[in-house]
Amino acid sequence: MPVRIIQVGLGRWGIDWAQTIIPRVPEVVAVGWVEPNLEVLERVRSRLGARPNQCFATLDAALSHIDADAVLITANVAAHASLVALALETGKHVLVEKPFVSNILEAQHLVDLADRYHLVLMVSQNFRFFPAAITAARLVRERAIGPVGAVHVEFRRFVNYMPADEAYGHYALRQPLLEELSIHHFDLMRMVLGQEPRQVYCTAWQPPGSCFQESPAATATIIFDQGTVVSYRGNWLSPGEETPYGGVWHVECAEGEILWTCRGDRDLTLNGDRVVIRRRGRPVVQVDLPKMPSFGRRESLATFAHTVETGIVKPYASLGRDNIGSLVLMQAAIASATTGSVVPIEG
């Protein structure tokens, strides 16, 4: 029987979830929608063919009128903590979009709350569910070309097309790179390396002509607990050749290099996934990727439903407690960029 979910947050990304992701995941069924902007709510209701008694302005109202198993939160990150807490306190499992919440104390409180009520709290780190990322993690874990010494990650896009007005909310986002996108890359670092960060130094800046209110470009050096050094560069205003959203990764190992990338323009195709191995003095070898009919957000949602139904956590699922490690790295990078100092990260 599908897991019955209430979706909260129907902005541009939330609508995409509602229209293109949830209907493609047979393990779940949407039974209610929540959006405080009534005009948006009515527009989405019409698009989805939902009944008026399935649509609400608040989560509290939805929970009072609809029998559901879980809540999917695709609202603005500022609302995550209160929404997650309300869902958990009313006995609902929760899948929440990244970033989980805005501070570690909130995250710790929420994972403790989920444990207290024996509920699943999972963060949709959908970049984990692409075949190239899973393959890269396997190659590193198996030491296919020796232990890792250093990693170089580069993300490049140009999204500065629209005028600098309030109609384009992306420009007004808090930390549009480090919080909005780099959280994916930081999370993948932990997943692929199987290590935890211990120190970060980050610099962020405004490229010429930027319409963003806060820095859309950054570079960081991150040291992990087994000595691996990661150099990271991300830029929403790059004039260079665009990368997939997963970034381009050069994983330098003792016997060669693993080069990989994932998540192209949409997480509905695998057009951005590729893994190759370059051994010293040998030709480049392309690595076969596992067949994944379900990937990205679809697999994230299916994995959540599987955990709710069986209590078994699949590999690479990002439970709230584990995701705190990615949140800590993200916040340490922001703190370093703000203060200009090296920020240690406690184990």
Protein backbone atom coordinates (compact mmCIF):
# COMPACT_ATOMS: atom_id res chain seq x y z
CA MET A 1 0.00 0.00 0.00
CA PRO A 2 1.51 3.40 -0.94
CA VAL A 3 2.68 5.77 1.79
CA ARG A 4 0.18 8.64 2.02
CA ILE A 5 1.90 12.02 2.07
CA ILE A 6 0.99 15.65 2.60
CA GLN A 7 3.23 18.02 0.65
CA VAL A 8 4.06 21.41 2.19
CA GLY A 9 5.40 24.24 0.03
CA LEU A 10 4.33 24.82 -3.57
CA GLY A 11 6.81 27.39 -4.84
CA ARG A 12 8.60 26.76 -8.14
CA TRP A 13 10.53 23.78 -6.81
CA GLY A 14 7.59 22.46 -4.80
CA ILE A 15 5.34 22.55 -7.87
CA ASP A 16 7.99 20.58 -9.76
CA TRP A 17 7.90 17.95 -7.00
CA ALA A 18 4.10 17.84 -7.16
CA GLN A 19 3.84 17.57 -10.94
CA THR A 20 6.90 15.64 -12.10
CA ILE A 21 8.22 13.61 -9.15
CA ILE A 22 5.42 12.37 -6.88
CA PRO A 23 3.28 10.97 -9.73
CA ARG A 24 6.27 8.92 -10.94
CA VAL A 25 6.85 7.19 -7.57
CA PRO A 26 4.34 4.34 -7.11
CA GLU A 27 5.45 3.82 -3.50
CA VAL A 28 3.71 7.06 -2.45
CA VAL A 29 0.45 8.87 -3.04
CA ALA A 30 -0.18 12.56 -2.33
CA VAL A 31 -3.36 13.06 -0.30
CA GLY A 32 -2.99 16.74 0.60
CA TRP A 33 -1.16 19.94 -0.27
CA VAL A 34 -0.22 22.97 1.85
CA GLU A 35 0.70 26.46 0.62
CA PRO A 36 0.13 29.74 2.53
CA ASN A 37 -0.13 31.76 -0.69
CA LEU A 38 -3.77 31.11 -1.55
CA GLU A 39 -3.42 32.27 -5.14
CA VAL A 40 -0.59 29.79 -5.71
CA LEU A 41 -2.53 27.09 -3.86
CA GLU A 42 -5.55 27.51 -6.13
CA ARG A 43 -3.40 27.49 -9.25
CA VAL A 44 -1.66 24.27 -8.18
CA ARG A 45 -4.97 22.71 -7.13
CA SER A 46 -6.28 23.29 -10.64
CA ARG A 47 -3.15 21.87 -12.27
CA LEU A 48 -3.19 18.74 -10.12
CA GLY A 49 -6.94 18.22 -10.28
CA ALA A 50 -7.03 18.16 -6.48
CA ARG A 51 -10.22 18.58 -4.50
CA PRO A 52 -10.67 21.74 -2.38
CA ASN A 53 -10.79 19.61 0.78
CA GLN A 54 -7.25 18.38 0.00
CA CYS A 55 -5.70 21.85 -0.07
CA PHE A 56 -4.84 23.97 2.96
CA ALA A 57 -3.08 27.19 3.93
CA THR A 58 -1.36 25.61 6.96
CA LEU A 59 0.08 22.23 7.84
CA ASP A 60 -1.82 22.25 11.12
CA ALA A 61 -5.12 22.47 9.20
CA ALA A 62 -4.09 19.70 6.81
CA LEU A 63 -3.11 17.37 9.65
CA SER A 64 -6.45 18.03 11.34
CA HIS A 65 -8.48 17.03 8.27
CA ILE A 66 -6.42 14.44 6.37
CA ASP A 67 -5.29 10.98 7.38
CA ALA A 68 -1.67 10.68 6.20
CA ASP A 69 1.43 8.67 7.03
CA ALA A 70 4.09 11.26 6.24
CA VAL A 71 4.87 14.85 5.33
CA LEU A 72 7.06 16.00 2.44
CA ILE A 73 8.47 19.48 3.12
CA THR A 74 9.47 21.49 0.04
CA ALA A 75 8.95 24.91 1.63
CA ASN A 76 11.55 27.64 2.15
CA VAL A 77 14.36 26.55 4.48
CA ALA A 78 13.38 29.22 7.03
CA ALA A 79 10.17 27.30 7.67
CA HIS A 80 11.72 23.83 7.86
CA ALA A 81 12.32 23.61 11.61
CA SER A 82 8.77 24.49 12.67
CA LEU A 83 7.18 22.33 9.97
CA VAL A 84 9.33 19.29 10.74
CA ALA A 85 8.63 19.64 14.46
CA LEU A 86 4.86 19.90 13.91
CA ALA A 87 4.82 16.86 11.64
CA LEU A 88 6.85 14.75 14.06
CA GLU A 89 4.80 15.82 17.09
CA THR A 90 1.64 14.67 15.32
CA GLY A 91 3.14 11.26 14.57
CA LYS A 92 4.11 11.72 10.92
CA HIS A 93 7.29 10.58 9.22
CA VAL A 94 9.13 13.40 7.42
CA LEU A 95 11.10 13.83 4.21
CA VAL A 96 12.51 17.37 4.02
CA GLU A 97 14.28 19.14 1.17
CA LYS A 98 17.88 20.23 1.64
CA PRO A 99 19.27 22.12 3.42
CA PHE A 100 17.76 20.37 6.42
CA VAL A 101 17.52 23.44 8.68
CA SER A 102 19.52 26.63 9.27
CA ASN A 103 21.38 25.73 12.45
CA ILE A 104 22.79 22.70 14.21
CA LEU A 105 20.83 23.12 17.45
CA GLU A 106 17.56 22.94 15.50
CA ALA A 107 18.78 19.88 13.62
CA GLN A 108 19.82 18.10 16.82
CA HIS A 109 16.46 18.86 18.45
CA LEU A 110 14.56 17.48 15.47
CA VAL A 111 16.52 14.24 15.15
CA ASP A 112 16.09 13.68 18.89
CA LEU A 113 12.35 14.29 18.44
CA ALA A 114 12.19 11.75 15.62
CA ASP A 115 14.01 9.19 17.78
CA ARG A 116 11.67 9.84 20.71
CA TYR A 117 8.60 9.09 18.60
CA HIS A 118 10.28 6.30 16.57
CA LEU A 119 9.66 8.15 13.31
CA VAL A 120 11.67 8.40 10.09
CA LEU A 121 13.25 11.82 9.50
CA MET A 122 15.12 11.91 6.19
CA VAL A 123 16.71 14.70 4.15
CA SER A 124 16.31 14.58 0.37
CA GLN A 125 19.96 14.77 -0.67
CA ASN A 126 18.98 13.65 -4.15
CA PHE A 127 22.47 13.93 -5.69
CA ARG A 128 23.36 10.76 -3.74
CA PHE A 129 20.94 8.80 -5.91
CA PHE A 130 22.74 9.05 -9.24
CA PRO A 131 24.72 6.12 -10.69
CA ALA A 132 27.94 8.10 -11.14
CA ALA A 133 28.00 9.21 -7.47
CA ILE A 134 27.25 5.68 -6.26
CA THR A 135 29.97 4.27 -8.55
CA ALA A 136 32.54 6.84 -7.42
CA ALA A 137 31.81 5.98 -3.78
CA ARG A 138 32.24 2.27 -4.54
CA LEU A 139 35.56 2.79 -6.35
CA VAL A 140 36.92 4.84 -3.46
CA ARG A 141 35.68 2.35 -0.87
CA GLU A 142 37.27 -0.56 -2.77
CA ARG A 143 40.50 1.39 -3.33
CA ALA A 144 40.23 0.48 -7.00
CA ILE A 145 43.33 2.56 -7.83
CA GLY A 146 44.71 2.97 -4.32
CA PRO A 147 43.93 5.29 -1.41
CA VAL A 148 42.74 8.85 -2.05
CA GLY A 149 45.16 11.70 -1.48
CA ALA A 150 43.38 14.77 -2.84
CA VAL A 151 40.14 15.75 -4.54
CA HIS A 152 39.35 18.71 -6.78
CA VAL A 153 35.70 19.66 -7.34
CA GLU A 154 34.52 22.38 -9.71
CA PHE A 155 30.98 23.64 -10.33
CA ARG A 156 30.31 26.26 -13.03
CA ARG A 157 27.01 27.77 -14.20
CA PHE A 158 25.77 31.18 -15.36
CA VAL A 159 22.33 32.14 -14.01
CA ASN A 160 22.62 35.94 -13.97
CA TYR A 161 20.34 36.50 -16.98
CA MET A 162 17.27 38.11 -15.45
CA PRO A 163 17.06 41.75 -14.25
CA ALA A 164 17.86 42.39 -10.60
CA ASP A 165 14.29 42.75 -9.37
CA GLU A 166 12.21 40.95 -6.80
CA ALA A 167 10.44 38.83 -9.42
CA TYR A 168 13.40 36.44 -9.45
CA GLY A 169 13.72 35.15 -5.90
CA HIS A 170 17.01 33.33 -6.54
CA TYR A 171 18.91 36.62 -6.30
CA ALA A 172 17.59 37.21 -2.77
CA LEU A 173 18.51 33.80 -1.37
CA ARG A 174 20.68 33.67 1.71
CA GLN A 175 24.04 32.21 0.63
CA PRO A 176 22.83 31.27 -2.88
CA LEU A 177 25.86 29.08 -3.53
CA LEU A 178 27.06 27.68 -0.19
CA GLU A 179 23.63 27.01 1.31
CA GLU A 180 21.49 26.51 -1.77
CA LEU A 181 23.77 24.30 -3.89
CA SER A 182 27.12 23.56 -2.24
CA ILE A 183 25.29 21.58 0.47
CA HIS A 184 24.89 18.91 -2.25
CA HIS A 185 28.63 18.91 -2.99
CA PHE A 186 29.58 18.90 0.71
CA ASP A 187 27.22 15.97 1.28
CA LEU A 188 28.70 14.09 -1.68
CA MET A 189 32.21 14.62 -0.29
CA ARG A 190 31.23 12.79 2.88
CA MET A 191 29.41 10.05 0.98
CA VAL A 192 32.08 9.39 -1.66
CA LEU A 193 35.11 9.65 0.62
CA GLY A 194 33.55 7.89 3.61
CA GLN A 195 35.29 10.51 5.76
CA GLU A 196 34.27 13.44 7.94
CA PRO A 197 35.59 17.03 7.59
CA ARG A 198 37.84 18.45 10.27
CA GLN A 199 38.79 21.90 8.94
CA VAL A 200 37.65 24.36 6.27
CA TYR A 201 38.91 27.63 4.86
CA CYS A 202 36.51 29.37 2.47
CA THR A 203 36.43 32.63 0.53
CA ALA A 204 33.25 33.89 -1.17
CA TRP A 205 32.82 36.86 -3.48
CA GLN A 206 30.59 38.85 -5.84
CA PRO A 207 31.72 38.52 -9.49
CA PRO A 208 31.40 41.66 -11.67
CA GLY A 209 27.83 42.32 -12.77
CA SER A 210 26.27 40.06 -10.12
CA CYS A 211 22.58 40.62 -9.36
CA PHE A 212 22.76 38.44 -6.24
CA GLN A 213 22.38 40.07 -2.85
CA GLU A 214 24.86 37.63 -1.28
CA SER A 215 27.95 35.95 -2.72
CA PRO A 216 27.22 33.50 -5.57
CA ALA A 217 30.83 32.31 -5.92
CA ALA A 218 33.22 30.64 -3.48
CA THR A 219 36.35 28.56 -3.17
CA ALA A 220 37.22 26.33 -0.22
CA THR A 221 39.93 24.02 1.07
CA ILE A 222 38.61 21.22 3.27
CA ILE A 223 40.69 18.73 5.25
CA PHE A 224 39.07 15.40 6.14
CA ASP A 225 39.75 13.11 9.08
CA GLN A 226 41.93 10.64 7.14
CA GLY A 227 44.08 13.42 5.72
CA THR A 228 42.36 13.83 2.34
CA VAL A 229 42.45 17.43 1.12
CA VAL A 230 39.56 18.66 -1.02
CA SER A 231 39.77 21.84 -3.07
CA TYR A 232 36.36 23.17 -4.07
CA ARG A 233 35.28 25.92 -6.47
CA GLY A 234 31.71 26.94 -7.23
CA ASN A 235 30.35 29.84 -9.25
CA TRP A 236 26.81 30.80 -10.35
CA LEU A 237 28.32 33.49 -12.64
CA SER A 238 31.04 31.52 -14.36
CA PRO A 239 31.87 32.47 -17.97
CA GLY A 240 33.50 29.07 -18.44
CA GLU A 241 32.08 25.86 -19.83
CA GLU A 242 29.11 24.77 -17.73
CA THR A 243 29.39 21.66 -15.58
CA PRO A 244 26.60 19.33 -14.55
CA TYR A 245 25.00 20.35 -11.26
CA GLY A 246 26.92 17.62 -9.47
CA GLY A 247 30.17 19.33 -10.45
CA VAL A 248 33.26 17.81 -12.06
CA TRP A 249 35.32 15.70 -9.63
CA HIS A 250 38.98 14.75 -9.95
CA VAL A 251 39.74 12.14 -7.26
CA GLU A 252 43.52 11.71 -7.11
CA CYS A 253 44.54 8.26 -5.86
CA ALA A 254 47.89 6.55 -5.35
CA GLU A 255 47.76 4.81 -8.75
CA GLY A 256 45.80 7.30 -10.85
CA GLU A 257 42.68 9.41 -10.99
CA ILE A 258 38.93 8.86 -10.86
CA LEU A 259 37.13 11.52 -12.91
CA TRP A 260 33.37 11.70 -12.49
CA THR A 261 30.33 13.93 -12.72
CA CYS A 262 26.58 13.60 -12.20
CA ARG A 263 23.16 15.28 -12.30
CA GLY A 264 22.79 17.15 -15.57
CA ASP A 265 20.31 19.94 -16.24
CA ARG A 266 17.36 17.99 -14.84
CA ASP A 267 17.20 15.11 -12.40
CA LEU A 268 14.80 13.36 -14.77
CA THR A 269 17.60 12.09 -17.06
CA LEU A 270 21.06 10.60 -16.65
CA ASN A 271 22.65 12.79 -19.32
CA GLY A 272 25.17 14.22 -16.86
CA ASP A 273 26.50 10.96 -15.39
CA ARG A 274 29.96 9.69 -16.30
CA VAL A 275 32.87 7.96 -14.54
CA VAL A 276 36.33 7.27 -16.00
CA ILE A 277 39.59 5.98 -14.55
CA ARG A 278 42.98 7.29 -15.60
CA ARG A 279 45.82 5.06 -14.41
CA ARG A 280 49.31 6.47 -14.73
CA GLY A 281 50.71 5.67 -18.17
CA ARG A 282 47.58 3.85 -19.35
CA PRO A 283 44.63 4.79 -21.57
CA VAL A 284 41.49 6.23 -20.01
CA VAL A 285 38.91 3.56 -19.14
CA GLN A 286 35.21 4.38 -18.93
CA VAL A 287 33.45 2.69 -16.02
CA ASP A 288 30.08 1.04 -16.60
CA LEU A 289 27.37 2.57 -14.45
CA PRO A 290 24.65 0.59 -12.67
CA LYS A 291 21.22 0.57 -14.28
CA MET A 292 18.93 2.82 -12.26
CA PRO A 293 15.40 3.23 -13.64
CA SER A 294 14.67 5.38 -10.57
CA PHE A 295 17.19 8.06 -9.59
CA GLY A 296 17.51 11.56 -8.16
CA ARG A 297 14.47 12.87 -6.30
CA ARG A 298 12.36 9.90 -7.41
CA GLU A 299 14.74 7.44 -5.78
CA SER A 300 15.09 9.69 -2.73
CA LEU A 301 11.31 9.65 -2.27
CA ALA A 302 11.06 5.90 -2.97
CA THR A 303 13.85 5.23 -0.46
CA PHE A 304 11.98 7.29 2.15
CA ALA A 305 8.78 5.31 1.52
CA HIS A 306 10.69 2.02 1.75
CA THR A 307 12.15 3.05 5.12
CA VAL A 308 8.72 4.10 6.43
CA GLU A 309 7.17 0.80 5.33
CA THR A 310 9.92 -1.62 6.38
CA GLY A 311 12.09 0.18 8.92
CA ILE A 312 15.11 -0.77 6.78
CA VAL A 313 17.38 2.08 5.67
CA LYS A 314 18.79 1.63 2.17
CA PRO A 315 22.42 2.52 1.36
CA TYR A 316 23.08 6.21 0.74
CA ALA A 317 19.84 7.35 2.39
CA SER A 318 20.45 10.57 4.32
CA LEU A 319 18.73 10.23 7.68
CA GLY A 320 18.48 13.46 9.63
CA ARG A 321 21.12 12.46 12.19
CA ASP A 322 23.70 11.63 9.52
CA ASN A 323 22.85 14.74 7.52
CA ILE A 324 23.95 16.91 10.43
CA GLY A 325 27.53 16.20 9.29
CA SER A 326 26.84 17.83 5.91
CA LEU A 327 25.05 20.73 7.60
CA VAL A 328 28.04 21.27 9.90
CA LEU A 329 30.41 21.46 6.92
CA MET A 330 28.11 23.89 5.11
CA GLN A 331 27.85 26.17 8.12
CA ALA A 332 31.60 26.00 8.76
CA ALA A 333 32.24 27.09 5.15
CA ILE A 334 29.82 30.02 5.56
CA ALA A 335 31.45 30.99 8.87
CA SER A 336 34.91 30.87 7.28
CA ALA A 337 33.79 32.98 4.32
CA THR A 338 32.24 35.49 6.72
CA THR A 339 35.17 35.78 9.14
CA GLY A 340 38.09 35.12 6.80
CA SER A 341 39.40 32.49 9.23
CA VAL A 342 40.10 28.78 9.16
CA VAL A 343 37.20 27.04 10.93
CA PRO A 344 37.88 23.78 12.77
CA ILE A 345 35.17 21.12 12.82
CA GLU A 346 34.90 18.93 15.88
CA GLY A 347 34.63 15.17 15.51
